[in-house]
């Protein structure tokens, strides 16, 4: 099963809210949109509590990401515009070398913790 894109998820959440606003019951909306009643309840409640802001994704629990947007951009540009010395393509390790990805440098060799 594939994850929905942010735009698809927002569109579905908007349909939920609109269907509920038209007076359809949670069970009707659930059947019409082919989603669980709990999903309808969740997004309806969040919309009522926070308005349109309630339809956006909340930050996920867990450790915040260590790679910045700037790091991602630097790696993409390097991959597209440069070729590694003595190789036909970039490997994960060659791309994570100290100059390419600063956040990898602080994790030690190979990027694995034991």
C-alpha atoms as a PDB file:
ATOM      1  CA  UNK A   1       0.000   0.000   0.000  1.00  0.00           C
ATOM      2  CA  UNK A   2       1.377   3.406  -0.960  1.00  0.00           C
ATOM      3  CA  UNK A   3       1.241   6.458   1.251  1.00  0.00           C
ATOM      4  CA  UNK A   4      -0.890   9.325   0.095  1.00  0.00           C
ATOM      5  CA  UNK A   5       0.787  12.518  -0.968  1.00  0.00           C
ATOM      6  CA  UNK A   6       0.192  15.573   1.182  1.00  0.00           C
ATOM      7  CA  UNK A   7      -2.119  17.040  -1.482  1.00  0.00           C
ATOM      8  CA  UNK A   8      -4.176  13.834  -1.680  1.00  0.00           C
ATOM      9  CA  UNK A   9      -4.443  13.617   2.092  1.00  0.00           C
ATOM     10  CA  UNK A  10      -5.539  17.254   2.366  1.00  0.00           C
ATOM     11  CA  UNK A  11      -8.113  16.733  -0.397  1.00  0.00           C
ATOM     12  CA  UNK A  12      -9.574  13.723   1.395  1.00  0.00           C
ATOM     13  CA  UNK A  13      -9.681  15.563   4.720  1.00  0.00           C
ATOM     14  CA  UNK A  14     -11.450  18.445   3.003  1.00  0.00           C
ATOM     15  CA  UNK A  15     -14.027  16.052   1.517  1.00  0.00           C
ATOM     16  CA  UNK A  16     -14.633  14.618   4.993  1.00  0.00           C
ATOM     17  CA  UNK A  17     -15.265  18.067   6.453  1.00  0.00           C
ATOM     18  CA  UNK A  18     -17.502  19.134   3.551  1.00  0.00           C
ATOM     19  CA  UNK A  19     -19.572  15.946   3.701  1.00  0.00           C
ATOM     20  CA  UNK A  20     -20.048  16.391   7.445  1.00  0.00           C
ATOM     21  CA  UNK A  21     -20.965  20.068   6.932  1.00  0.00           C
ATOM     22  CA  UNK A  22     -23.674  18.976   4.465  1.00  0.00           C
ATOM     23  CA  UNK A  23     -25.299  17.064   7.324  1.00  0.00           C
ATOM     24  CA  UNK A  24     -24.180  13.525   6.484  1.00  0.00           C
ATOM     25  CA  UNK A  25     -23.569  11.257   9.474  1.00  0.00           C
ATOM     26  CA  UNK A  26     -20.119   9.928  10.310  1.00  0.00           C
ATOM     27  CA  UNK A  27     -21.201   6.486   9.107  1.00  0.00           C
ATOM     28  CA  UNK A  28     -22.527   7.884   5.809  1.00  0.00           C
ATOM     29  CA  UNK A  29     -19.320   9.812   5.178  1.00  0.00           C
ATOM     30  CA  UNK A  30     -17.308   6.721   6.071  1.00  0.00           C
ATOM     31  CA  UNK A  31     -19.193   4.595   3.548  1.00  0.00           C
ATOM     32  CA  UNK A  32     -19.234   7.230   0.810  1.00  0.00           C
ATOM     33  CA  UNK A  33     -15.492   7.921   1.034  1.00  0.00           C
ATOM     34  CA  UNK A  34     -14.536   4.313   1.848  1.00  0.00           C
ATOM     35  CA  UNK A  35     -12.647   5.173   5.005  1.00  0.00           C
ATOM     36  CA  UNK A  36     -13.062   4.157   8.626  1.00  0.00           C
ATOM     37  CA  UNK A  37     -15.491   6.010  10.904  1.00  0.00           C
ATOM     38  CA  UNK A  38     -12.551   6.765  13.231  1.00  0.00           C
ATOM     39  CA  UNK A  39     -10.814   8.610  10.384  1.00  0.00           C
ATOM     40  CA  UNK A  40     -13.935  10.702   9.785  1.00  0.00           C
ATOM     41  CA  UNK A  41     -14.218  11.459  13.524  1.00  0.00           C
ATOM     42  CA  UNK A  42     -10.555  12.431  13.776  1.00  0.00           C
ATOM     43  CA  UNK A  43     -10.567  14.946  10.932  1.00  0.00           C
ATOM     44  CA  UNK A  44     -14.003  16.332  11.782  1.00  0.00           C
ATOM     45  CA  UNK A  45     -12.904  16.917  15.396  1.00  0.00           C
ATOM     46  CA  UNK A  46      -9.597  18.500  14.364  1.00  0.00           C
ATOM     47  CA  UNK A  47     -11.398  20.816  11.935  1.00  0.00           C
ATOM     48  CA  UNK A  48     -13.908  21.870  14.602  1.00  0.00           C
ATOM     49  CA  UNK A  49     -11.099  22.527  17.099  1.00  0.00           C
ATOM     50  CA  UNK A  50      -8.593  24.307  14.833  1.00  0.00           C
ATOM     51  CA  UNK A  51     -10.290  25.162  11.550  1.00  0.00           C
ATOM     52  CA  UNK A  52      -8.257  24.707   8.364  1.00  0.00           C
ATOM     53  CA  UNK A  53      -5.014  24.439  10.341  1.00  0.00           C
ATOM     54  CA  UNK A  54      -6.399  21.257  11.895  1.00  0.00           C
ATOM     55  CA  UNK A  55      -6.357  19.524   8.503  1.00  0.00           C
ATOM     56  CA  UNK A  56      -2.561  19.708   8.205  1.00  0.00           C
ATOM     57  CA  UNK A  57      -0.284  16.912   9.362  1.00  0.00           C
ATOM     58  CA  UNK A  58       1.178  17.261  12.825  1.00  0.00           C
ATOM     59  CA  UNK A  59       4.863  16.614  13.410  1.00  0.00           C
ATOM     60  CA  UNK A  60       5.573  12.912  13.773  1.00  0.00           C
ATOM     61  CA  UNK A  61       6.852  11.567  17.097  1.00  0.00           C
ATOM     62  CA  UNK A  62      10.417  10.365  17.354  1.00  0.00           C
ATOM     63  CA  UNK A  63      13.873  11.756  16.890  1.00  0.00           C
ATOM     64  CA  UNK A  64      14.015  14.887  14.722  1.00  0.00           C
ATOM     65  CA  UNK A  65      15.802  14.416  11.418  1.00  0.00           C
ATOM     66  CA  UNK A  66      19.527  15.116  11.395  1.00  0.00           C
ATOM     67  CA  UNK A  67      19.925  15.984   7.726  1.00  0.00           C
ATOM     68  CA  UNK A  68      18.977  19.529   6.814  1.00  0.00           C
ATOM     69  CA  UNK A  69      17.279  20.671   3.620  1.00  0.00           C
ATOM     70  CA  UNK A  70      20.591  22.286   2.660  1.00  0.00           C
ATOM     71  CA  UNK A  71      22.358  18.898   2.997  1.00  0.00           C
ATOM     72  CA  UNK A  72      19.733  17.228   0.805  1.00  0.00           C
ATOM     73  CA  UNK A  73      20.052  19.950  -1.826  1.00  0.00           C
ATOM     74  CA  UNK A  74      23.867  19.742  -1.780  1.00  0.00           C
ATOM     75  CA  UNK A  75      23.785  15.951  -2.344  1.00  0.00           C
ATOM     76  CA  UNK A  76      21.243  16.215  -5.179  1.00  0.00           C
ATOM     77  CA  UNK A  77      23.237  18.923  -6.959  1.00  0.00           C
ATOM     78  CA  UNK A  78      26.475  16.975  -6.510  1.00  0.00           C
ATOM     79  CA  UNK A  79      24.856  13.789  -7.857  1.00  0.00           C
ATOM     80  CA  UNK A  80      23.491  15.541 -10.919  1.00  0.00           C
ATOM     81  CA  UNK A  81      26.436  17.780 -11.742  1.00  0.00           C
ATOM     82  CA  UNK A  82      29.534  15.821 -10.741  1.00  0.00           C
ATOM     83  CA  UNK A  83      31.025  12.383 -11.312  1.00  0.00           C
ATOM     84  CA  UNK A  84      33.127  10.707  -8.594  1.00  0.00           C
ATOM     85  CA  UNK A  85      36.819  10.133  -9.180  1.00  0.00           C
ATOM     86  CA  UNK A  86      37.628   6.589 -10.351  1.00  0.00           C
ATOM     87  CA  UNK A  87      33.968   5.489 -10.388  1.00  0.00           C
ATOM     88  CA  UNK A  88      31.024   5.410 -12.773  1.00  0.00           C
ATOM     89  CA  UNK A  89      28.460   6.507 -10.185  1.00  0.00           C
ATOM     90  CA  UNK A  90      28.092   7.733  -6.619  1.00  0.00           C
ATOM     91  CA  UNK A  91      27.788   5.199  -3.811  1.00  0.00           C
ATOM     92  CA  UNK A  92      26.160   5.892  -0.467  1.00  0.00           C
ATOM     93  CA  UNK A  93      29.536   6.050   1.245  1.00  0.00           C
ATOM     94  CA  UNK A  94      31.198   8.255  -1.342  1.00  0.00           C
ATOM     95  CA  UNK A  95      28.253  10.649  -1.227  1.00  0.00           C
ATOM     96  CA  UNK A  96      28.356  10.749   2.584  1.00  0.00           C
ATOM     97  CA  UNK A  97      32.019  11.772   2.587  1.00  0.00           C
ATOM     98  CA  UNK A  98      32.764  14.720   4.887  1.00  0.00           C
ATOM     99  CA  UNK A  99      32.548  17.435   2.249  1.00  0.00           C
ATOM    100  CA  UNK A 100      29.278  16.181   0.761  1.00  0.00           C
ATOM    101  CA  UNK A 101      27.167  15.724   3.859  1.00  0.00           C
ATOM    102  CA  UNK A 102      28.219  17.514   7.032  1.00  0.00           C
ATOM    103  CA  UNK A 103      25.754  15.755   9.345  1.00  0.00           C
ATOM    104  CA  UNK A 104      27.189  12.339   8.407  1.00  0.00           C
ATOM    105  CA  UNK A 105      30.619  13.444   9.609  1.00  0.00           C
ATOM    106  CA  UNK A 106      29.487  13.681  13.227  1.00  0.00           C
ATOM    107  CA  UNK A 107      28.163  10.098  13.215  1.00  0.00           C
ATOM    108  CA  UNK A 108      31.576   8.477  12.773  1.00  0.00           C
ATOM    109  CA  UNK A 109      32.708   6.047  10.110  1.00  0.00           C
ATOM    110  CA  UNK A 110      30.005   4.331   8.131  1.00  0.00           C
ATOM    111  CA  UNK A 111      27.232   6.225   9.890  1.00  0.00           C
ATOM    112  CA  UNK A 112      26.273   3.292  12.130  1.00  0.00           C
ATOM    113  CA  UNK A 113      26.107   3.273  15.887  1.00  0.00           C
ATOM    114  CA  UNK A 114      26.757   0.052  17.784  1.00  0.00           C
END
